Every structure is written in structure tokens, then in C-alpha cells.
Amino acid sequence: MIIQPDKETRNVNDLFYESERKRIDMLNREFSHDVELTKKENDVLVWLCGWDNWTIESVISVFRKVRDKVI
């Protein structure tokens, strides 16, 4: 599960923080809700969630394709 850092520990505004939270929720719902991540893995995914929705939707699409091919 991706854990969003506390807002107070970072220099971000409320709008960015809320948008990031929504993208983290998208990824958690899709893939990592029951997966334990290392700090480095979590940090990278939080960073990725700072990008736009199009980026996250593209990553989700790729992950789905990989998952479906493996299963």
C-alpha cells in the first residue's frame, strides 16, 4: 500500500496534496492495497503520483497489461 507522507513534512500546497492523494488512491485500489512496500518503493510511487492523471492512468494501463499477461 502506498502511504502519502504528511503534508507538514513537505513544501506542497493543499491542491497539490489533495491531487496527489487521489492518484495514490487510484494506484492503491488497482494494485498495491495488500502489498507491503519498502520506503524507496513508496517514495518513488509517491513521486510518480505528483504527476498528472494522464501519467497515472498510463502507468495503470501498463500494469494491467503486465498483470493480465502473467495471469
PDB file of N, CA and C in Angstrom:
ATOM      1  N   MET A   1       0.847  -1.183   0.000  1.00  0.00           N
ATOM      2  CA  MET A   1       0.000   0.000   0.000  1.00  0.00           C
ATOM      3  C   MET A   1       0.884   1.235   0.000  1.00  0.00           C
ATOM      4  N   ILE A   2       0.556   2.183  -0.843  1.00  0.00           N
ATOM      5  CA  ILE A   2       1.297   3.441  -0.905  1.00  0.00           C
ATOM      6  C   ILE A   2       0.810   4.331   0.232  1.00  0.00           C
ATOM      7  N   ILE A   3       1.741   4.875   0.992  1.00  0.00           N
ATOM      8  CA  ILE A   3       1.419   5.754   2.114  1.00  0.00           C
ATOM      9  C   ILE A   3       1.864   7.177   1.762  1.00  0.00           C
ATOM     10  N   GLN A   4       0.933   8.107   1.779  1.00  0.00           N
ATOM     11  CA  GLN A   4       1.267   9.501   1.497  1.00  0.00           C
ATOM     12  C   GLN A   4       1.920  10.131   2.713  1.00  0.00           C
ATOM     13  N   PRO A   5       3.069  10.800   2.523  1.00  0.00           N
ATOM     14  CA  PRO A   5       3.710  11.488   3.647  1.00  0.00           C
ATOM     15  C   PRO A   5       2.825  12.618   4.171  1.00  0.00           C
ATOM     16  N   ASP A   6       3.014  12.974   5.413  1.00  0.00           N
ATOM     17  CA  ASP A   6       2.279  14.103   5.986  1.00  0.00           C
ATOM     18  C   ASP A   6       2.597  15.375   5.210  1.00  0.00           C
ATOM     19  N   LYS A   7       1.585  16.187   5.004  1.00  0.00           N
ATOM     20  CA  LYS A   7       1.767  17.437   4.261  1.00  0.00           C
ATOM     21  C   LYS A   7       2.784  18.339   4.944  1.00  0.00           C
ATOM     22  N   GLU A   8       2.767  18.342   6.250  1.00  0.00           N
ATOM     23  CA  GLU A   8       3.643  19.240   7.005  1.00  0.00           C
ATOM     24  C   GLU A   8       5.127  18.916   6.809  1.00  0.00           C
ATOM     25  N   THR A   9       5.446  17.710   6.361  1.00  0.00           N
ATOM     26  CA  THR A   9       6.845  17.328   6.173  1.00  0.00           C
ATOM     27  C   THR A   9       7.363  17.747   4.801  1.00  0.00           C
ATOM     28  N   ARG A  10       6.499  18.340   3.964  1.00  0.00           N
ATOM     29  CA  ARG A  10       6.877  18.699   2.601  1.00  0.00           C
ATOM     30  C   ARG A  10       6.406  20.100   2.264  1.00  0.00           C
ATOM     31  N   ASN A  11       7.007  20.685   1.261  1.00  0.00           N
ATOM     32  CA  ASN A  11       6.657  22.032   0.831  1.00  0.00           C
ATOM     33  C   ASN A  11       5.677  21.941  -0.346  1.00  0.00           C
ATOM     34  N   VAL A  12       4.415  21.577  -0.046  1.00  0.00           N
ATOM     35  CA  VAL A  12       3.390  21.468  -1.082  1.00  0.00           C
ATOM     36  C   VAL A  12       2.139  22.210  -0.634  1.00  0.00           C
ATOM     37  N   ASN A  13       1.373  22.694  -1.614  1.00  0.00           N
ATOM     38  CA  ASN A  13       0.129  23.382  -1.262  1.00  0.00           C
ATOM     39  C   ASN A  13      -1.023  22.391  -1.140  1.00  0.00           C
ATOM     40  N   ASP A  14      -2.154  22.868  -0.656  1.00  0.00           N
ATOM     41  CA  ASP A  14      -3.300  21.997  -0.398  1.00  0.00           C
ATOM     42  C   ASP A  14      -3.815  21.316  -1.668  1.00  0.00           C
ATOM     43  N   LEU A  15      -3.867  22.042  -2.772  1.00  0.00           N
ATOM     44  CA  LEU A  15      -4.376  21.487  -4.025  1.00  0.00           C
ATOM     45  C   LEU A  15      -3.484  20.344  -4.522  1.00  0.00           C
ATOM     46  N   PHE A  16      -2.172  20.551  -4.482  1.00  0.00           N
ATOM     47  CA  PHE A  16      -1.238  19.503  -4.887  1.00  0.00           C
ATOM     48  C   PHE A  16      -1.402  18.281  -3.998  1.00  0.00           C
ATOM     49  N   TYR A  17      -1.477  18.500  -2.695  1.00  0.00           N
ATOM     50  CA  TYR A  17      -1.566  17.396  -1.742  1.00  0.00           C
ATOM     51  C   TYR A  17      -2.830  16.573  -1.972  1.00  0.00           C
ATOM     52  N   GLU A  18      -3.942  17.243  -2.220  1.00  0.00           N
ATOM     53  CA  GLU A  18      -5.207  16.541  -2.451  1.00  0.00           C
ATOM     54  C   GLU A  18      -5.163  15.777  -3.778  1.00  0.00           C
ATOM     55  N   SER A  19      -4.608  16.377  -4.813  1.00  0.00           N
ATOM     56  CA  SER A  19      -4.490  15.705  -6.113  1.00  0.00           C
ATOM     57  C   SER A  19      -3.588  14.478  -6.003  1.00  0.00           C
ATOM     58  N   GLU A  20      -2.491  14.622  -5.289  1.00  0.00           N
ATOM     59  CA  GLU A  20      -1.577  13.508  -5.063  1.00  0.00           C
ATOM     60  C   GLU A  20      -2.293  12.377  -4.315  1.00  0.00           C
ATOM     61  N   ARG A  21      -3.078  12.721  -3.311  1.00  0.00           N
ATOM     62  CA  ARG A  21      -3.814  11.721  -2.538  1.00  0.00           C
ATOM     63  C   ARG A  21      -4.769  10.936  -3.428  1.00  0.00           C
ATOM     64  N   LYS A  22      -5.448  11.627  -4.332  1.00  0.00           N
ATOM     65  CA  LYS A  22      -6.385  10.948  -5.235  1.00  0.00           C
ATOM     66  C   LYS A  22      -5.651   9.977  -6.155  1.00  0.00           C
ATOM     67  N   ARG A  23      -4.486  10.363  -6.635  1.00  0.00           N
ATOM     68  CA  ARG A  23      -3.713   9.478  -7.509  1.00  0.00           C
ATOM     69  C   ARG A  23      -3.160   8.282  -6.725  1.00  0.00           C
ATOM     70  N   ILE A  24      -2.738   8.523  -5.493  1.00  0.00           N
ATOM     71  CA  ILE A  24      -2.287   7.415  -4.638  1.00  0.00           C
ATOM     72  C   ILE A  24      -3.435   6.442  -4.421  1.00  0.00           C
ATOM     73  N   ASP A  25      -4.617   6.963  -4.184  1.00  0.00           N
ATOM     74  CA  ASP A  25      -5.794   6.102  -4.013  1.00  0.00           C
ATOM     75  C   ASP A  25      -6.072   5.281  -5.271  1.00  0.00           C
ATOM     76  N   MET A  26      -5.892   5.904  -6.451  1.00  0.00           N
ATOM     77  CA  MET A  26      -6.090   5.181  -7.715  1.00  0.00           C
ATOM     78  C   MET A  26      -5.157   3.983  -7.790  1.00  0.00           C
ATOM     79  N   LEU A  27      -3.885   4.198  -7.511  1.00  0.00           N
ATOM     80  CA  LEU A  27      -2.916   3.106  -7.571  1.00  0.00           C
ATOM     81  C   LEU A  27      -3.179   2.063  -6.492  1.00  0.00           C
ATOM     82  N   ASN A  28      -3.501   2.509  -5.293  1.00  0.00           N
ATOM     83  CA  ASN A  28      -3.782   1.554  -4.215  1.00  0.00           C
ATOM     84  C   ASN A  28      -4.989   0.680  -4.540  1.00  0.00           C
ATOM     85  N   ARG A  29      -6.040   1.270  -5.076  1.00  0.00           N
ATOM     86  CA  ARG A  29      -7.239   0.489  -5.438  1.00  0.00           C
ATOM     87  C   ARG A  29      -6.913  -0.544  -6.504  1.00  0.00           C
ATOM     88  N   GLU A  30      -6.066  -0.152  -7.422  1.00  0.00           N
ATOM     89  CA  GLU A  30      -5.780  -1.014  -8.570  1.00  0.00           C
ATOM     90  C   GLU A  30      -4.789  -2.134  -8.244  1.00  0.00           C
ATOM     91  N   PHE A  31      -3.761  -1.838  -7.471  1.00  0.00           N
ATOM     92  CA  PHE A  31      -2.665  -2.797  -7.359  1.00  0.00           C
ATOM     93  C   PHE A  31      -2.128  -3.070  -5.973  1.00  0.00           C
ATOM     94  N   SER A  32      -1.846  -2.046  -5.219  1.00  0.00           N
ATOM     95  CA  SER A  32      -0.972  -2.240  -4.064  1.00  0.00           C
ATOM     96  C   SER A  32      -1.681  -2.196  -2.721  1.00  0.00           C
ATOM     97  N   HIS A  33      -2.976  -2.432  -2.691  1.00  0.00           N
ATOM     98  CA  HIS A  33      -3.712  -2.358  -1.430  1.00  0.00           C
ATOM     99  C   HIS A  33      -3.281  -3.420  -0.426  1.00  0.00           C
ATOM    100  N   ASP A  34      -2.727  -4.530  -0.886  1.00  0.00           N
ATOM    101  CA  ASP A  34      -2.309  -5.574   0.046  1.00  0.00           C
ATOM    102  C   ASP A  34      -0.824  -5.920  -0.083  1.00  0.00           C
ATOM    103  N   VAL A  35      -0.057  -4.987  -0.642  1.00  0.00           N
ATOM    104  CA  VAL A  35       1.371  -5.202  -0.855  1.00  0.00           C
ATOM    105  C   VAL A  35       2.163  -4.289   0.077  1.00  0.00           C
ATOM    106  N   GLU A  36       3.112  -4.877   0.774  1.00  0.00           N
ATOM    107  CA  GLU A  36       3.986  -4.077   1.641  1.00  0.00           C
ATOM    108  C   GLU A  36       5.147  -3.551   0.803  1.00  0.00           C
ATOM    109  N   LEU A  37       5.339  -2.249   0.834  1.00  0.00           N
ATOM    110  CA  LEU A  37       6.384  -1.602   0.048  1.00  0.00           C
ATOM    111  C   LEU A  37       7.553  -1.183   0.931  1.00  0.00           C
ATOM    112  N   THR A  38       8.738  -1.172   0.346  1.00  0.00           N
ATOM    113  CA  THR A  38       9.885  -0.600   1.053  1.00  0.00           C
ATOM    114  C   THR A  38       9.739   0.907   1.037  1.00  0.00           C
ATOM    115  N   LYS A  39      10.536   1.598   1.842  1.00  0.00           N
ATOM    116  CA  LYS A  39      10.497   3.058   1.852  1.00  0.00           C
ATOM    117  C   LYS A  39      10.847   3.611   0.473  1.00  0.00           C
ATOM    118  N   LYS A  40      11.858   3.042  -0.169  1.00  0.00           N
ATOM    119  CA  LYS A  40      12.258   3.512  -1.505  1.00  0.00           C
ATOM    120  C   LYS A  40      11.133   3.320  -2.519  1.00  0.00           C
ATOM    121  N   GLU A  41      10.489   2.166  -2.485  1.00  0.00           N
ATOM    122  CA  GLU A  41       9.381   1.911  -3.406  1.00  0.00           C
ATOM    123  C   GLU A  41       8.247   2.895  -3.162  1.00  0.00           C
ATOM    124  N   ASN A  42       7.915   3.108  -1.899  1.00  0.00           N
ATOM    125  CA  ASN A  42       6.857   4.050  -1.555  1.00  0.00           C
ATOM    126  C   ASN A  42       7.216   5.462  -2.020  1.00  0.00           C
ATOM    127  N   ASP A  43       8.460   5.871  -1.774  1.00  0.00           N
ATOM    128  CA  ASP A  43       8.892   7.216  -2.160  1.00  0.00           C
ATOM    129  C   ASP A  43       8.775   7.434  -3.668  1.00  0.00           C
ATOM    130  N   VAL A  44       9.156   6.432  -4.448  1.00  0.00           N
ATOM    131  CA  VAL A  44       9.078   6.558  -5.911  1.00  0.00           C
ATOM    132  C   VAL A  44       7.626   6.647  -6.365  1.00  0.00           C
ATOM    133  N   LEU A  45       6.765   5.826  -5.788  1.00  0.00           N
ATOM    134  CA  LEU A  45       5.359   5.862  -6.185  1.00  0.00           C
ATOM    135  C   LEU A  45       4.679   7.156  -5.751  1.00  0.00           C
ATOM    136  N   VAL A  46       5.043   7.694  -4.599  1.00  0.00           N
ATOM    137  CA  VAL A  46       4.510   8.998  -4.177  1.00  0.00           C
ATOM    138  C   VAL A  46       4.981  10.066  -5.156  1.00  0.00           C
ATOM    139  N   TRP A  47       6.250  10.018  -5.526  1.00  0.00           N
ATOM    140  CA  TRP A  47       6.784  10.973  -6.505  1.00  0.00           C
ATOM    141  C   TRP A  47       6.005  10.882  -7.808  1.00  0.00           C
ATOM    142  N   LEU A  48       5.766   9.657  -8.279  1.00  0.00           N
ATOM    143  CA  LEU A  48       5.021   9.455  -9.514  1.00  0.00           C
ATOM    144  C   LEU A  48       3.617  10.053  -9.407  1.00  0.00           C
ATOM    145  N   CYS A  49       2.999   9.917  -8.254  1.00  0.00           N
ATOM    146  CA  CYS A  49       1.642  10.436  -8.051  1.00  0.00           C
ATOM    147  C   CYS A  49       1.599  11.959  -8.016  1.00  0.00           C
ATOM    148  N   GLY A  50       2.739  12.597  -7.995  1.00  0.00           N
ATOM    149  CA  GLY A  50       2.795  14.053  -8.101  1.00  0.00           C
ATOM    150  C   GLY A  50       2.616  14.549  -9.527  1.00  0.00           C
ATOM    151  N   TRP A  51       2.674  13.625 -10.494  1.00  0.00           N
ATOM    152  CA  TRP A  51       2.456  13.978 -11.893  1.00  0.00           C
ATOM    153  C   TRP A  51       0.959  14.058 -12.156  1.00  0.00           C
ATOM    154  N   ASP A  52       0.566  14.220 -13.400  1.00  0.00           N
ATOM    155  CA  ASP A  52      -0.850  14.410 -13.739  1.00  0.00           C
ATOM    156  C   ASP A  52      -1.605  13.078 -13.834  1.00  0.00           C
ATOM    157  N   ASN A  53      -2.926  13.177 -13.943  1.00  0.00           N
ATOM    158  CA  ASN A  53      -3.762  11.981 -14.025  1.00  0.00           C
ATOM    159  C   ASN A  53      -3.429  11.139 -15.251  1.00  0.00           C
ATOM    160  N   TRP A  54      -3.135  11.784 -16.374  1.00  0.00           N
ATOM    161  CA  TRP A  54      -2.805  11.068 -17.594  1.00  0.00           C
ATOM    162  C   TRP A  54      -1.624  10.126 -17.361  1.00  0.00           C
ATOM    163  N   THR A  55      -0.622  10.596 -16.646  1.00  0.00           N
ATOM    164  CA  THR A  55       0.551   9.772 -16.346  1.00  0.00           C
ATOM    165  C   THR A  55       0.156   8.558 -15.518  1.00  0.00           C
ATOM    166  N   ILE A  56      -0.611   8.774 -14.465  1.00  0.00           N
ATOM    167  CA  ILE A  56      -1.022   7.670 -13.592  1.00  0.00           C
ATOM    168  C   ILE A  56      -1.910   6.690 -14.353  1.00  0.00           C
ATOM    169  N   GLU A  57      -2.829   7.195 -15.160  1.00  0.00           N
ATOM    170  CA  GLU A  57      -3.697   6.312 -15.935  1.00  0.00           C
ATOM    171  C   GLU A  57      -2.886   5.475 -16.922  1.00  0.00           C
ATOM    172  N   SER A  58      -1.841   6.050 -17.503  1.00  0.00           N
ATOM    173  CA  SER A  58      -0.967   5.302 -18.418  1.00  0.00           C
ATOM    174  C   SER A  58      -0.199   4.209 -17.675  1.00  0.00           C
ATOM    175  N   VAL A  59       0.308   4.533 -16.497  1.00  0.00           N
ATOM    176  CA  VAL A  59       1.023   3.543 -15.684  1.00  0.00           C
ATOM    177  C   VAL A  59       0.076   2.412 -15.288  1.00  0.00           C
ATOM    178  N   ILE A  60      -1.126   2.747 -14.892  1.00  0.00           N
ATOM    179  CA  ILE A  60      -2.116   1.729 -14.527  1.00  0.00           C
ATOM    180  C   ILE A  60      -2.409   0.833 -15.726  1.00  0.00           C
ATOM    181  N   SER A  61      -2.542   1.421 -16.904  1.00  0.00           N
ATOM    182  CA  SER A  61      -2.801   0.643 -18.105  1.00  0.00           C
ATOM    183  C   SER A  61      -1.679  -0.350 -18.374  1.00  0.00           C
ATOM    184  N   VAL A  62      -0.440   0.090 -18.249  1.00  0.00           N
ATOM    185  CA  VAL A  62       0.706  -0.804 -18.454  1.00  0.00           C
ATOM    186  C   VAL A  62       0.716  -1.903 -17.404  1.00  0.00           C
ATOM    187  N   PHE A  63       0.513  -1.553 -16.145  1.00  0.00           N
ATOM    188  CA  PHE A  63       0.487  -2.550 -15.076  1.00  0.00           C
ATOM    189  C   PHE A  63      -0.608  -3.596 -15.316  1.00  0.00           C
ATOM    190  N   ARG A  64      -1.776  -3.158 -15.775  1.00  0.00           N
ATOM    191  CA  ARG A  64      -2.868  -4.096 -16.058  1.00  0.00           C
ATOM    192  C   ARG A  64      -2.460  -5.081 -17.149  1.00  0.00           C
ATOM    193  N   LYS A  65      -1.829  -4.555 -18.209  1.00  0.00           N
ATOM    194  CA  LYS A  65      -1.390  -5.420 -19.301  1.00  0.00           C
ATOM    195  C   LYS A  65      -0.392  -6.468 -18.809  1.00  0.00           C
ATOM    196  N   VAL A  66       0.531  -6.042 -17.986  1.00  0.00           N
ATOM    197  CA  VAL A  66       1.532  -6.979 -17.436  1.00  0.00           C
ATOM    198  C   VAL A  66       0.838  -8.004 -16.552  1.00  0.00           C
ATOM    199  N   ARG A  67      -0.033  -7.532 -15.674  1.00  0.00           N
ATOM    200  CA  ARG A  67      -0.756  -8.444 -14.774  1.00  0.00           C
ATOM    201  C   ARG A  67      -1.577  -9.455 -15.561  1.00  0.00           C
ATOM    202  N   ASP A  68      -2.282  -8.998 -16.574  1.00  0.00           N
ATOM    203  CA  ASP A  68      -3.136  -9.884 -17.365  1.00  0.00           C
ATOM    204  C   ASP A  68      -2.315 -10.896 -18.156  1.00  0.00           C
ATOM    205  N   LYS A  69      -1.148 -10.511 -18.574  1.00  0.00           N
ATOM    206  CA  LYS A  69      -0.275 -11.422 -19.334  1.00  0.00           C
ATOM    207  C   LYS A  69       0.296 -12.493 -18.412  1.00  0.00           C
ATOM    208  N   VAL A  70       0.590 -12.128 -17.168  1.00  0.00           N
ATOM    209  CA  VAL A  70       1.150 -13.072 -16.205  1.00  0.00           C
ATOM    210  C   VAL A  70       0.094 -14.073 -15.759  1.00  0.00           C
ATOM    211  N   ILE A  71      -1.114 -13.598 -15.577  1.00  0.00           N
ATOM    212  CA  ILE A  71      -2.210 -14.461 -15.076  1.00  0.00           C
ATOM    213  C   ILE A  71      -2.737 -15.307 -16.151  1.00  0.00           C
TER     214      ILE A  71
END
